[in-house]
Amino acid sequence: MSNLAVIPPGQNKAVDFIEVVYKGELLGFLWETANAFLMEDGALIHRARVSKAGGRRIRSSPSCGPAQSPDLNPIENVWSLLKNAVHYRRIRPRTVKDMMFALN
């Protein structure tokens, strides 16, 4: 499993996604892992033309599954675990910095 890639606030466009996720965390992980594949949900940022092209450039043909379907896309289970871990903290994060601390 790769590291959690965090897109900074205000950088939520497809080109930002490519820089932080595809060229950042994912690129090295895919090159080091022979049988890895990229599974994405139907989020708009994943379906953007520039995102699809970026995924192909790093030797990955993204498989796109339905949004929020844990049976077909296992990452949804991971998101659920993270969400619950943060939700049930005694003190909930209120800033990006607090959220990063809670997720680490």
C-alpha atoms as a PDB file:
ATOM      1  CA  MET A   1       0.000   0.000   0.000  1.00  0.00           C
ATOM      2  CA  SER A   2       1.281   3.462  -0.820  1.00  0.00           C
ATOM      3  CA  ASN A   3       1.401   6.407   1.553  1.00  0.00           C
ATOM      4  CA  LEU A   4      -1.620   8.634   1.969  1.00  0.00           C
ATOM      5  CA  ALA A   5      -1.381  11.485  -0.526  1.00  0.00           C
ATOM      6  CA  VAL A   6      -2.801  14.747   0.775  1.00  0.00           C
ATOM      7  CA  ILE A   7      -3.853  17.439  -1.638  1.00  0.00           C
ATOM      8  CA  PRO A   8      -3.361  20.869  -0.030  1.00  0.00           C
ATOM      9  CA  PRO A   9      -6.432  23.076   0.465  1.00  0.00           C
ATOM     10  CA  GLY A  10      -7.344  25.024  -2.648  1.00  0.00           C
ATOM     11  CA  GLN A  11      -5.515  22.621  -4.964  1.00  0.00           C
ATOM     12  CA  ASN A  12      -8.415  20.404  -5.934  1.00  0.00           C
ATOM     13  CA  LYS A  13      -8.151  20.509  -9.706  1.00  0.00           C
ATOM     14  CA  ALA A  14      -7.192  17.536 -11.860  1.00  0.00           C
ATOM     15  CA  VAL A  15      -3.729  18.983 -12.572  1.00  0.00           C
ATOM     16  CA  ASP A  16      -3.105  19.274  -8.821  1.00  0.00           C
ATOM     17  CA  PHE A  17      -4.303  15.692  -8.372  1.00  0.00           C
ATOM     18  CA  ILE A  18      -1.810  14.500 -10.996  1.00  0.00           C
ATOM     19  CA  GLU A  19       1.101  16.354  -9.365  1.00  0.00           C
ATOM     20  CA  VAL A  20       0.377  15.219  -5.805  1.00  0.00           C
ATOM     21  CA  VAL A  21      -0.973  11.725  -6.387  1.00  0.00           C
ATOM     22  CA  TYR A  22       0.205  10.339  -9.733  1.00  0.00           C
ATOM     23  CA  LYS A  23       3.613  12.026  -9.928  1.00  0.00           C
ATOM     24  CA  GLY A  24       4.054  12.115  -6.150  1.00  0.00           C
ATOM     25  CA  GLU A  25       3.141   9.082  -4.064  1.00  0.00           C
ATOM     26  CA  LEU A  26       1.827   6.768  -6.753  1.00  0.00           C
ATOM     27  CA  LEU A  27       4.607   6.928  -9.331  1.00  0.00           C
ATOM     28  CA  GLY A  28       7.317   5.463  -7.107  1.00  0.00           C
ATOM     29  CA  PHE A  29       4.960   2.907  -5.599  1.00  0.00           C
ATOM     30  CA  LEU A  30       3.855   1.557  -8.988  1.00  0.00           C
ATOM     31  CA  TRP A  31       7.424   1.289 -10.263  1.00  0.00           C
ATOM     32  CA  GLU A  32       8.519  -0.608  -7.139  1.00  0.00           C
ATOM     33  CA  THR A  33       5.537  -2.956  -7.126  1.00  0.00           C
ATOM     34  CA  ALA A  34       5.378  -5.335 -10.070  1.00  0.00           C
ATOM     35  CA  ASN A  35       1.732  -6.378  -9.870  1.00  0.00           C
ATOM     36  CA  ALA A  36       0.132  -3.156  -8.630  1.00  0.00           C
ATOM     37  CA  PHE A  37      -2.812  -1.604 -10.374  1.00  0.00           C
ATOM     38  CA  LEU A  38      -4.687   1.619  -9.934  1.00  0.00           C
ATOM     39  CA  MET A  39      -8.307   1.394  -8.788  1.00  0.00           C
ATOM     40  CA  GLU A  40     -10.282   4.617  -8.666  1.00  0.00           C
ATOM     41  CA  ASP A  41     -13.889   5.437  -7.943  1.00  0.00           C
ATOM     42  CA  GLY A  42     -16.127   7.537 -10.149  1.00  0.00           C
ATOM     43  CA  ALA A  43     -15.124  10.866  -8.565  1.00  0.00           C
ATOM     44  CA  LEU A  44     -15.015  13.725 -11.066  1.00  0.00           C
ATOM     45  CA  ILE A  45     -11.319  14.358 -10.457  1.00  0.00           C
ATOM     46  CA  HIS A  46     -10.545  10.734 -11.402  1.00  0.00           C
ATOM     47  CA  ARG A  47     -12.648  10.879 -14.572  1.00  0.00           C
ATOM     48  CA  ALA A  48     -11.127  14.107 -15.892  1.00  0.00           C
ATOM     49  CA  ARG A  49      -9.443  13.695 -19.265  1.00  0.00           C
ATOM     50  CA  VAL A  50      -6.141  15.045 -17.926  1.00  0.00           C
ATOM     51  CA  SER A  51      -6.260  12.591 -14.982  1.00  0.00           C
ATOM     52  CA  LYS A  52      -6.861   9.615 -17.273  1.00  0.00           C
ATOM     53  CA  ALA A  53      -3.944  10.676 -19.478  1.00  0.00           C
ATOM     54  CA  GLY A  54      -1.738  11.158 -16.401  1.00  0.00           C
ATOM     55  CA  GLY A  55      -2.579   7.653 -15.194  1.00  0.00           C
ATOM     56  CA  ARG A  56      -1.635   6.127 -18.549  1.00  0.00           C
ATOM     57  CA  ARG A  57       1.688   8.003 -18.535  1.00  0.00           C
ATOM     58  CA  ILE A  58       2.801   6.240 -15.358  1.00  0.00           C
ATOM     59  CA  ARG A  59       2.194   2.767 -16.851  1.00  0.00           C
ATOM     60  CA  SER A  60      -1.167   2.358 -15.252  1.00  0.00           C
ATOM     61  CA  SER A  61      -4.502   1.927 -16.901  1.00  0.00           C
ATOM     62  CA  PRO A  62      -6.867   3.059 -14.163  1.00  0.00           C
ATOM     63  CA  SER A  63      -9.787   0.781 -13.420  1.00  0.00           C
ATOM     64  CA  CYS A  64     -12.792   2.873 -12.620  1.00  0.00           C
ATOM     65  CA  GLY A  65     -15.464   1.544 -10.319  1.00  0.00           C
ATOM     66  CA  PRO A  66     -18.655   3.070  -9.045  1.00  0.00           C
ATOM     67  CA  ALA A  67     -18.335   5.781  -6.415  1.00  0.00           C
ATOM     68  CA  GLN A  68     -18.694   4.639  -2.797  1.00  0.00           C
ATOM     69  CA  SER A  69     -19.082   0.924  -3.519  1.00  0.00           C
ATOM     70  CA  PRO A  70     -17.035  -1.063  -0.956  1.00  0.00           C
ATOM     71  CA  ASP A  71     -17.859  -4.385  -2.618  1.00  0.00           C
ATOM     72  CA  LEU A  72     -16.282  -3.345  -5.908  1.00  0.00           C
ATOM     73  CA  ASN A  73     -13.661  -0.895  -4.693  1.00  0.00           C
ATOM     74  CA  PRO A  74     -11.805  -1.943  -1.511  1.00  0.00           C
ATOM     75  CA  ILE A  75     -10.399   1.554  -0.905  1.00  0.00           C
ATOM     76  CA  GLU A  76     -13.873   2.567   0.275  1.00  0.00           C
ATOM     77  CA  ASN A  77     -13.336   0.269   3.288  1.00  0.00           C
ATOM     78  CA  VAL A  78     -10.069   2.072   4.078  1.00  0.00           C
ATOM     79  CA  TRP A  79     -11.809   5.470   3.858  1.00  0.00           C
ATOM     80  CA  SER A  80     -14.467   4.169   6.241  1.00  0.00           C
ATOM     81  CA  LEU A  81     -11.832   3.047   8.767  1.00  0.00           C
ATOM     82  CA  LEU A  82     -10.059   6.424   8.584  1.00  0.00           C
ATOM     83  CA  LYS A  83     -13.333   8.320   8.901  1.00  0.00           C
ATOM     84  CA  ASN A  84     -14.341   6.314  11.983  1.00  0.00           C
ATOM     85  CA  ALA A  85     -10.897   6.687  13.572  1.00  0.00           C
ATOM     86  CA  VAL A  86     -11.116  10.463  13.249  1.00  0.00           C
ATOM     87  CA  HIS A  87     -14.804  10.678  14.193  1.00  0.00           C
ATOM     88  CA  TYR A  88     -14.389   8.787  17.467  1.00  0.00           C
ATOM     89  CA  ARG A  89     -11.381  10.772  18.691  1.00  0.00           C
ATOM     90  CA  ARG A  90     -11.920  12.574  21.963  1.00  0.00           C
ATOM     91  CA  ILE A  91     -10.988  15.860  20.328  1.00  0.00           C
ATOM     92  CA  ARG A  92     -11.931  16.146  16.668  1.00  0.00           C
ATOM     93  CA  PRO A  93      -9.560  17.904  14.271  1.00  0.00           C
ATOM     94  CA  ARG A  94     -10.607  21.397  13.228  1.00  0.00           C
ATOM     95  CA  THR A  95      -7.694  22.371  10.979  1.00  0.00           C
ATOM     96  CA  VAL A  96      -5.803  20.674   8.164  1.00  0.00           C
ATOM     97  CA  LYS A  97      -2.782  20.371  10.467  1.00  0.00           C
ATOM     98  CA  ASP A  98      -4.919  18.692  13.151  1.00  0.00           C
ATOM     99  CA  MET A  99      -6.391  16.326  10.554  1.00  0.00           C
ATOM    100  CA  MET A 100      -2.930  15.328   9.313  1.00  0.00           C
ATOM    101  CA  PHE A 101      -1.890  14.623  12.896  1.00  0.00           C
ATOM    102  CA  ALA A 102      -5.021  12.504  13.437  1.00  0.00           C
ATOM    103  CA  LEU A 103      -4.398  10.463  10.286  1.00  0.00           C
ATOM    104  CA  ASN A 104      -0.759   9.692  11.063  1.00  0.00           C
END
